[in-house]
Each structure stands twice: as structure tokens, then as C-alpha cells.
C-alpha atoms as a PDB file:
ATOM      1  CA  MET A   1     -27.200   4.618  -0.929  1.00  0.00           C
ATOM      2  CA  SER A   2     -25.678   5.159  -4.134  1.00  0.00           C
ATOM      3  CA  THR A   3     -24.013   8.105  -5.608  1.00  0.00           C
ATOM      4  CA  ASN A   4     -25.308   9.832  -9.173  1.00  0.00           C
ATOM      5  CA  GLU A   5     -21.586   9.525 -10.970  1.00  0.00           C
ATOM      6  CA  GLN A   6     -20.383   5.923 -11.566  1.00  0.00           C
ATOM      7  CA  LYS A   7     -16.648   5.607 -11.194  1.00  0.00           C
ATOM      8  CA  SER A   8     -14.275   2.913 -11.612  1.00  0.00           C
ATOM      9  CA  PHE A   9     -11.395   2.460  -8.908  1.00  0.00           C
ATOM     10  CA  THR A  10      -8.214   0.047  -8.822  1.00  0.00           C
ATOM     11  CA  LEU A  11      -7.661  -1.123  -5.494  1.00  0.00           C
ATOM     12  CA  VAL A  12      -4.258  -2.664  -4.721  1.00  0.00           C
ATOM     13  CA  VAL A  13      -3.646  -5.164  -1.743  1.00  0.00           C
ATOM     14  CA  VAL A  14      -0.146  -5.599  -0.699  1.00  0.00           C
ATOM     15  CA  THR A  15       0.023  -8.552   1.738  1.00  0.00           C
ATOM     16  CA  ALA A  16       3.362  -9.812   3.497  1.00  0.00           C
ATOM     17  CA  GLY A  17       2.213 -13.199   4.445  1.00  0.00           C
ATOM     18  CA  THR A  18       4.893 -16.069   3.643  1.00  0.00           C
ATOM     19  CA  SER A  19       2.785 -18.816   4.553  1.00  0.00           C
ATOM     20  CA  ASP A  20       0.178 -20.947   2.087  1.00  0.00           C
ATOM     21  CA  PRO A  21      -2.482 -20.301   3.023  1.00  0.00           C
ATOM     22  CA  SER A  22      -1.890 -16.767   5.064  1.00  0.00           C
ATOM     23  CA  SER A  23      -4.022 -15.329   7.639  1.00  0.00           C
ATOM     24  CA  THR A  24      -2.496 -12.060   6.688  1.00  0.00           C
ATOM     25  CA  ARG A  25      -3.584 -12.546   2.824  1.00  0.00           C
ATOM     26  CA  MET A  26      -6.802 -13.967   4.192  1.00  0.00           C
ATOM     27  CA  LEU A  27      -7.610 -10.536   5.995  1.00  0.00           C
ATOM     28  CA  ALA A  28      -6.528  -8.598   3.046  1.00  0.00           C
ATOM     29  CA  ASP A  29      -8.614 -10.574   0.714  1.00  0.00           C
ATOM     30  CA  ARG A  30     -11.405 -10.554   3.031  1.00  0.00           C
ATOM     31  CA  THR A  31     -11.184  -6.584   3.230  1.00  0.00           C
ATOM     32  CA  ALA A  32     -10.782  -6.061  -0.381  1.00  0.00           C
ATOM     33  CA  GLN A  33     -14.086  -8.559  -1.096  1.00  0.00           C
ATOM     34  CA  ARG A  34     -16.111  -5.890   1.144  1.00  0.00           C
ATOM     35  CA  VAL A  35     -14.723  -2.977  -0.546  1.00  0.00           C
ATOM     36  CA  VAL A  36     -15.871  -4.318  -3.919  1.00  0.00           C
ATOM     37  CA  ALA A  37     -19.089  -4.844  -2.553  1.00  0.00           C
ATOM     38  CA  VAL A  38     -19.611  -1.777  -0.626  1.00  0.00           C
ATOM     39  CA  ALA A  39     -18.487   0.159  -3.901  1.00  0.00           C
ATOM     40  CA  ASP A  40     -20.802  -2.041  -5.979  1.00  0.00           C
ATOM     41  CA  GLY A  41     -23.396  -0.985  -3.714  1.00  0.00           C
ATOM     42  CA  ARG A  42     -22.730   2.510  -4.135  1.00  0.00           C
ATOM     43  CA  GLY A  43     -22.739   2.487  -7.867  1.00  0.00           C
ATOM     44  CA  HIS A  44     -18.944   2.144  -8.599  1.00  0.00           C
ATOM     45  CA  ALA A  45     -16.898  -1.067  -9.811  1.00  0.00           C
ATOM     46  CA  VAL A  46     -13.599  -1.972  -8.180  1.00  0.00           C
ATOM     47  CA  THR A  47     -10.534  -3.709 -10.039  1.00  0.00           C
ATOM     48  CA  THR A  48      -8.501  -5.530  -7.402  1.00  0.00           C
ATOM     49  CA  ARG A  49      -4.709  -6.352  -7.852  1.00  0.00           C
ATOM     50  CA  VAL A  50      -2.579  -8.792  -5.341  1.00  0.00           C
ATOM     51  CA  ILE A  51       1.105  -7.773  -4.917  1.00  0.00           C
ATOM     52  CA  ASP A  52       2.231 -10.753  -2.730  1.00  0.00           C
ATOM     53  CA  LEU A  53       5.680  -9.527  -1.276  1.00  0.00           C
ATOM     54  CA  ARG A  54       6.877 -12.892  -0.824  1.00  0.00           C
ATOM     55  CA  GLU A  55       7.393 -13.543  -4.477  1.00  0.00           C
ATOM     56  CA  LEU A  56       9.432 -10.013  -4.491  1.00  0.00           C
ATOM     57  CA  ALA A  57      11.401 -11.241  -1.473  1.00  0.00           C
ATOM     58  CA  THR A  58      14.803 -11.351  -3.791  1.00  0.00           C
ATOM     59  CA  GLU A  59      14.133  -8.133  -5.557  1.00  0.00           C
ATOM     60  CA  ILE A  60      13.053  -6.333  -2.380  1.00  0.00           C
ATOM     61  CA  THR A  61      16.533  -7.109  -0.810  1.00  0.00           C
ATOM     62  CA  SER A  62      18.407  -6.197  -3.552  1.00  0.00           C
ATOM     63  CA  ALA A  63      16.584  -2.964  -3.925  1.00  0.00           C
ATOM     64  CA  VAL A  64      17.309  -2.363  -0.346  1.00  0.00           C
ATOM     65  CA  VAL A  65      21.268  -2.853  -0.190  1.00  0.00           C
ATOM     66  CA  SER A  66      22.042  -1.470  -3.828  1.00  0.00           C
ATOM     67  CA  GLN A  67      19.006   0.563  -4.942  1.00  0.00           C
ATOM     68  CA  LEU A  68      18.471  -1.065  -8.096  1.00  0.00           C
ATOM     69  CA  ILE A  69      14.855  -2.169  -8.918  1.00  0.00           C
ATOM     70  CA  GLY A  70      14.135  -5.563 -10.705  1.00  0.00           C
ATOM     71  CA  PRO A  71      11.049  -6.004 -13.160  1.00  0.00           C
ATOM     72  CA  LYS A  72       8.739  -7.267 -10.875  1.00  0.00           C
ATOM     73  CA  LEU A  73       9.124  -5.006  -8.256  1.00  0.00           C
ATOM     74  CA  ARG A  74       9.251  -2.148 -10.751  1.00  0.00           C
ATOM     75  CA  GLU A  75       5.742  -3.543 -12.205  1.00  0.00           C
ATOM     76  CA  ALA A  76       4.269  -3.744  -8.243  1.00  0.00           C
ATOM     77  CA  ILE A  77       5.513   0.059  -8.084  1.00  0.00           C
ATOM     78  CA  ALA A  78       3.629   0.865 -11.034  1.00  0.00           C
ATOM     79  CA  ALA A  79       0.754  -0.575  -9.699  1.00  0.00           C
ATOM     80  CA  LEU A  80       0.717   1.457  -6.478  1.00  0.00           C
ATOM     81  CA  ALA A  81       1.324   4.298  -8.278  1.00  0.00           C
ATOM     82  CA  ALA A  82      -1.893   3.933 -10.497  1.00  0.00           C
ATOM     83  CA  ALA A  83      -4.000   2.583  -7.603  1.00  0.00           C
ATOM     84  CA  ASP A  84      -6.701   4.973  -6.247  1.00  0.00           C
ATOM     85  CA  GLY A  85      -6.847   2.716  -2.842  1.00  0.00           C
ATOM     86  CA  ILE A  86      -4.361   0.427  -1.207  1.00  0.00           C
ATOM     87  CA  ILE A  87      -4.782  -2.529   1.509  1.00  0.00           C
ATOM     88  CA  ALA A  88      -1.279  -3.018   3.251  1.00  0.00           C
ATOM     89  CA  SER A  89      -1.600  -6.067   5.205  1.00  0.00           C
ATOM     90  CA  THR A  90       1.712  -7.723   7.389  1.00  0.00           C
ATOM     91  CA  PRO A  91       1.842 -10.435   9.842  1.00  0.00           C
ATOM     92  CA  VAL A  92       3.430  -9.078  13.301  1.00  0.00           C
ATOM     93  CA  TYR A  93       6.752 -10.762  14.231  1.00  0.00           C
ATOM     94  CA  LYS A  94       8.591  -9.945  17.603  1.00  0.00           C
ATOM     95  CA  ALA A  95       6.023  -7.313  18.529  1.00  0.00           C
ATOM     96  CA  GLY A  96       6.622  -5.533  15.024  1.00  0.00           C
ATOM     97  CA  PRO A  97       5.521  -5.720  11.568  1.00  0.00           C
ATOM     98  CA  SER A  98       7.221  -7.903   9.018  1.00  0.00           C
ATOM     99  CA  GLY A  99      10.952  -6.982   7.810  1.00  0.00           C
ATOM    100  CA  LEU A 100       9.777  -7.775   4.508  1.00  0.00           C
ATOM    101  CA  PHE A 101       6.763  -5.678   4.587  1.00  0.00           C
ATOM    102  CA  THR A 102       8.475  -2.318   5.769  1.00  0.00           C
ATOM    103  CA  SER A 103      11.397  -3.225   3.683  1.00  0.00           C
ATOM    104  CA  PHE A 104       8.669  -2.970   0.503  1.00  0.00           C
ATOM    105  CA  PHE A 105       7.474   0.327   1.375  1.00  0.00           C
ATOM    106  CA  GLN A 106      11.112   1.593   2.436  1.00  0.00           C
ATOM    107  CA  VAL A 107      12.311   1.078  -0.983  1.00  0.00           C
ATOM    108  CA  LEU A 108       9.687   3.456  -2.439  1.00  0.00           C
ATOM    109  CA  ASP A 109       9.804   6.773  -3.385  1.00  0.00           C
ATOM    110  CA  ASP A 110       9.013   9.102  -0.857  1.00  0.00           C
ATOM    111  CA  ASP A 111       6.262  10.800  -2.961  1.00  0.00           C
ATOM    112  CA  LEU A 112       4.749   8.002  -4.550  1.00  0.00           C
ATOM    113  CA  LEU A 113       1.931   7.286  -2.266  1.00  0.00           C
ATOM    114  CA  ILE A 114       1.263  11.040  -1.200  1.00  0.00           C
ATOM    115  CA  ALA A 115      -2.671  11.344  -0.381  1.00  0.00           C
ATOM    116  CA  LYS A 116      -3.383   7.842  -1.317  1.00  0.00           C
ATOM    117  CA  PRO A 117      -6.035   6.258   1.027  1.00  0.00           C
ATOM    118  CA  VAL A 118      -5.087   3.051   2.945  1.00  0.00           C
ATOM    119  CA  VAL A 119      -6.207   0.501   4.976  1.00  0.00           C
ATOM    120  CA  LEU A 120      -3.816  -0.709   7.581  1.00  0.00           C
ATOM    121  CA  ALA A 121      -4.259  -4.417   8.779  1.00  0.00           C
ATOM    122  CA  ALA A 122      -1.970  -7.015  10.561  1.00  0.00           C
ATOM    123  CA  THR A 123      -2.193 -10.631  11.669  1.00  0.00           C
ATOM    124  CA  ALA A 124      -0.660 -12.429  14.778  1.00  0.00           C
ATOM    125  CA  GLY A 125      -0.928 -15.307  16.774  1.00  0.00           C
ATOM    126  CA  THR A 126      -2.046 -13.383  20.158  1.00  0.00           C
ATOM    127  CA  ALA A 127      -4.000 -10.300  20.922  1.00  0.00           C
ATOM    128  CA  ARG A 128      -0.911  -8.769  22.825  1.00  0.00           C
ATOM    129  CA  HIS A 129       0.359  -7.508  19.619  1.00  0.00           C
ATOM    130  CA  ALA A 130      -2.875  -5.764  18.720  1.00  0.00           C
ATOM    131  CA  LEU A 131      -1.127  -1.958  19.213  1.00  0.00           C
ATOM    132  CA  VAL A 132       1.758  -2.763  16.313  1.00  0.00           C
ATOM    133  CA  VAL A 133      -1.004  -1.532  13.290  1.00  0.00           C
ATOM    134  CA  ASP A 134      -1.645   1.967  15.261  1.00  0.00           C
ATOM    135  CA  ASP A 135       1.543   2.412  16.991  1.00  0.00           C
ATOM    136  CA  GLN A 136       4.037   1.131  14.495  1.00  0.00           C
ATOM    137  CA  VAL A 137       2.553   0.632  11.022  1.00  0.00           C
ATOM    138  CA  ARG A 138       0.420   3.929  11.019  1.00  0.00           C
ATOM    139  CA  SER A 139       3.854   5.533  11.497  1.00  0.00           C
ATOM    140  CA  LEU A 140       5.364   4.144   8.530  1.00  0.00           C
ATOM    141  CA  PHE A 141       2.560   4.968   6.384  1.00  0.00           C
ATOM    142  CA  GLY A 142       2.383   8.844   7.872  1.00  0.00           C
ATOM    143  CA  TYR A 143       5.852   9.370   7.038  1.00  0.00           C
ATOM    144  CA  LEU A 144       4.803   8.317   3.298  1.00  0.00           C
ATOM    145  CA  ARG A 145       2.262  11.127   3.185  1.00  0.00           C
ATOM    146  CA  THR A 146      -0.877   8.363   2.907  1.00  0.00           C
ATOM    147  CA  THR A 147      -4.378   9.295   3.770  1.00  0.00           C
ATOM    148  CA  THR A 148      -4.937   6.300   6.386  1.00  0.00           C
ATOM    149  CA  ALA A 149      -8.487   5.173   7.265  1.00  0.00           C
ATOM    150  CA  PRO A 150      -9.405   5.739  10.745  1.00  0.00           C
ATOM    151  CA  THR A 151     -10.350   2.086  11.155  1.00  0.00           C
ATOM    152  CA  SER A 152      -7.277  -0.198  11.173  1.00  0.00           C
ATOM    153  CA  LEU A 153      -7.657  -3.977  11.142  1.00  0.00           C
ATOM    154  CA  PHE A 154      -5.886  -6.367  13.521  1.00  0.00           C
ATOM    155  CA  ALA A 155      -6.779 -10.305  13.659  1.00  0.00           C
ATOM    156  CA  SER A 156      -5.410 -12.902  15.851  1.00  0.00           C
ATOM    157  CA  THR A 157      -6.072 -16.698  16.282  1.00  0.00           C
ATOM    158  CA  GLU A 158      -8.680 -15.854  18.342  1.00  0.00           C
ATOM    159  CA  ASP A 159     -10.586 -13.109  16.140  1.00  0.00           C
ATOM    160  CA  TRP A 160     -11.662 -14.620  13.199  1.00  0.00           C
ATOM    161  CA  GLY A 161     -14.635 -16.404  14.472  1.00  0.00           C
ATOM    162  CA  GLU A 162     -15.743 -13.278  16.428  1.00  0.00           C
ATOM    163  CA  PRO A 163     -18.751 -10.593  14.633  1.00  0.00           C
ATOM    164  CA  ALA A 164     -16.574  -7.785  16.128  1.00  0.00           C
ATOM    165  CA  LEU A 165     -14.123  -8.548  13.259  1.00  0.00           C
ATOM    166  CA  ASN A 166     -16.426  -8.381  10.209  1.00  0.00           C
ATOM    167  CA  THR A 167     -17.736  -4.966  11.907  1.00  0.00           C
ATOM    168  CA  ARG A 168     -14.369  -3.367  11.540  1.00  0.00           C
ATOM    169  CA  ILE A 169     -13.653  -4.828   8.090  1.00  0.00           C
ATOM    170  CA  ASP A 170     -16.994  -3.492   7.027  1.00  0.00           C
ATOM    171  CA  ARG A 171     -16.065  -0.175   8.696  1.00  0.00           C
ATOM    172  CA  ALA A 172     -12.669   0.177   7.274  1.00  0.00           C
ATOM    173  CA  ALA A 173     -14.045  -0.784   3.857  1.00  0.00           C
ATOM    174  CA  ARG A 174     -16.646   1.915   3.444  1.00  0.00           C
ATOM    175  CA  GLU A 175     -14.220   4.368   4.790  1.00  0.00           C
ATOM    176  CA  LEU A 176     -11.941   3.188   2.033  1.00  0.00           C
ATOM    177  CA  VAL A 177     -14.320   3.704  -0.578  1.00  0.00           C
ATOM    178  CA  LEU A 178     -15.716   6.878   0.504  1.00  0.00           C
ATOM    179  CA  PHE A 179     -11.918   8.153   0.322  1.00  0.00           C
ATOM    180  CA  MET A 180     -11.660   6.824  -3.139  1.00  0.00           C
ATOM    181  CA  GLU A 181     -14.903   8.153  -4.376  1.00  0.00           C
ATOM    182  CA  SER A 182     -14.206  11.629  -3.071  1.00  0.00           C
ATOM    183  CA  GLY A 183     -11.055  12.104  -5.185  1.00  0.00           C
ATOM    184  CA  LEU A 184      -9.294  13.681  -2.191  1.00  0.00           C
ATOM    185  CA  ALA A 185      -5.902  12.033  -3.382  1.00  0.00           C
ATOM    186  CA  ASP A 186      -6.131  13.715  -6.512  1.00  0.00           C
ATOM    187  CA  LEU A 187      -6.999  16.994  -5.203  1.00  0.00           C
ATOM    188  CA  ILE A 188      -4.266  17.145  -2.479  1.00  0.00           C
ATOM    189  CA  ARG A 189      -1.431  16.206  -5.236  1.00  0.00           C
ATOM    190  CA  ASP A 190      -2.677  18.636  -7.676  1.00  0.00           C
ATOM    191  CA  GLU A 191      -3.383  21.189  -4.907  1.00  0.00           C
ATOM    192  CA  SER A 192      -0.223  20.946  -2.826  1.00  0.00           C
ATOM    193  CA  TRP A 193       2.562  19.126  -5.103  1.00  0.00           C
ATOM    194  CA  ASN A 194       4.947  21.936  -5.064  1.00  0.00           C
ATOM    195  CA  ASN A 195       4.679  22.360  -1.485  1.00  0.00           C
ATOM    196  CA  TYR A 196       6.271  19.202  -0.662  1.00  0.00           C
ATOM    197  CA  ARG A 197      10.303  18.700  -0.624  1.00  0.00           C
ATOM    198  CA  HIS A 198      10.825  16.318  -3.185  1.00  0.00           C
ATOM    199  CA  GLN A 199      13.607  14.282  -3.334  1.00  0.00           C
ATOM    200  CA  PHE A 200      15.476  13.024  -6.885  1.00  0.00           C
ATOM    201  CA  GLY A 201      12.707  10.953  -8.724  1.00  0.00           C
ATOM    202  CA  GLY A 202       9.883  12.248  -6.508  1.00  0.00           C
ATOM    203  CA  ASN A 203       7.977  13.174  -9.821  1.00  0.00           C
ATOM    204  CA  GLY A 204       7.418   9.802 -10.807  1.00  0.00           C
ATOM    205  CA  GLY A 205      10.000   9.951 -13.487  1.00  0.00           C
ATOM    206  CA  ALA A 206       8.577  13.236 -15.194  1.00  0.00           C
ATOM    207  CA  GLU A 207      11.534  15.340 -14.102  1.00  0.00           C
ATOM    208  CA  THR A 208      13.057  16.635 -17.640  1.00  0.00           C
ATOM    209  CA  GLU A 209      15.952  18.802 -16.000  1.00  0.00           C
ATOM    210  CA  ILE A 210      18.223  15.476 -15.052  1.00  0.00           C
ATOM    211  CA  ASP A 211      20.082  13.959 -17.808  1.00  0.00           C
ATOM    212  CA  LEU A 212      19.454  10.202 -17.071  1.00  0.00           C
ATOM    213  CA  ASP A 213      21.255   8.801 -20.001  1.00  0.00           C
ATOM    214  CA  SER A 214      24.614  10.283 -19.081  1.00  0.00           C
ATOM    215  CA  ASP A 215      27.683   8.082 -18.566  1.00  0.00           C
ATOM    216  CA  LEU A 216      27.518   8.932 -14.629  1.00  0.00           C
ATOM    217  CA  MET A 217      24.017   7.962 -14.298  1.00  0.00           C
ATOM    218  CA  ARG A 218      24.552   4.712 -16.453  1.00  0.00           C
ATOM    219  CA  LEU A 219      27.428   3.666 -14.238  1.00  0.00           C
ATOM    220  CA  ALA A 220      25.109   4.786 -10.945  1.00  0.00           C
ATOM    221  CA  THR A 221      22.343   2.140 -12.197  1.00  0.00           C
ATOM    222  CA  GLY A 222      24.845  -0.533 -12.645  1.00  0.00           C
ATOM    223  CA  GLY A 223      25.579  -0.210 -16.472  1.00  0.00           C
ATOM    224  CA  SER A 224      28.386   0.881 -18.578  1.00  0.00           C
ATOM    225  CA  ALA A 225      29.582   4.117 -19.608  1.00  0.00           C
ATOM    226  CA  ILE A 226      30.790   3.202 -23.018  1.00  0.00           C
END
């Protein structure tokens, strides 16, 4: 079924896979392709942007220890800020999401992803890790106040040939498209922004009462006071 109003959406895929090819990237790409197909069937166009975290590893580490944001990381953050929907895919290591994955989302401003719709995905070598995505990854995105799709995705080695995986991918993709189509994120941000507790920088750089060009602020960001 298509809707009366045709819309254009930006989908950002965040993948923390470290191998090439990567099953984590494969799961994210398959989900993104299904999102594009579902949206097209409903009369919408989707532009997809991929953020490969292994290419940002050095800048993510620097941001964690110094709070300095490098140019590639800044570009990734801007892409997320402009996203209408997100697919976040991580490998599971030692019963937890990738440290690279969690570090990336931990350096983001708490307000950046408020209400943005997200499909959560994880891959592992064994089904023993199947609960990681809902038990650990969903709580991280709950803290970031995103709107997570009810269906999360998990694929272990034995899942790739199973029709059930495609069924879950289709369901998650449809949920994400419906969230994007509804405009829920914009409605929540517009109606509830002042009811959130915002830390410094929480308005996406739109603050007007803070002098970012003072000597103190230049020193704080690694520059010179002169």
C-alpha cells in the first residue's frame, strides 16, 4: 500500500564490523536494501549513507580520551543529525557489543538522536549471544532517547541460510519505514524539546548565550588563547 504524500528520507547505516567482508556489514546492508524497497513500494525515496566505524577508530579513540572531534568523526555526527532513520549494527565480542560501537555512540551529544527511529542489529558466531542486542544495545539507545524499532535483528553463523532471518529483516524494515513516514521524531523534538534536560552543546551547536570564541574555550579545545 502506498501513501498519498511522497517523501524523501535519509537512511544512515552505522556498522562496527572489522573484517572485510563483514557479516555485521552484510546484515546492515541487507536491512538497508529492504528499507529502500519497502519505502519505494509506499511511494517514497530513500538515500542511504554508510558510516563504517573501523575507518573512524583513531578519531573515536581520541574523542573518548580528549573530547576532541576529528573531521571524519564530525562528518559522521552531522550525517546522524540529518538522518531520518538509522540502522545500527555491531558484532558481539565476549557477550557484549563491540567496544568500537559503544564508544562511538558514547561520544555523541546526548541530544543528537532524540526520537530518531533506529533498527538495532548484531552478529555473532553463536546463538548464545542472541540476547545481547535487546539486553545491552537497546539500553544504550534508550539512554540516547531514540525510538527503537520493536523488532531487533541478530544473526549467528547458522542463521544466514534460514528464511526466518529474512522475515525478521522485512519486519524491522517495515517498522523503520513507518516510523520515518510518520514524522514522529520531528513531532517529539518540536513539542518536547524544552522538557528535556540538556547538557552543554545539547542544541546541536545552536546555542547563542555561550561565547565559543573566548580564550578559555579556545584553550579547552586544544587551541591557543592568543
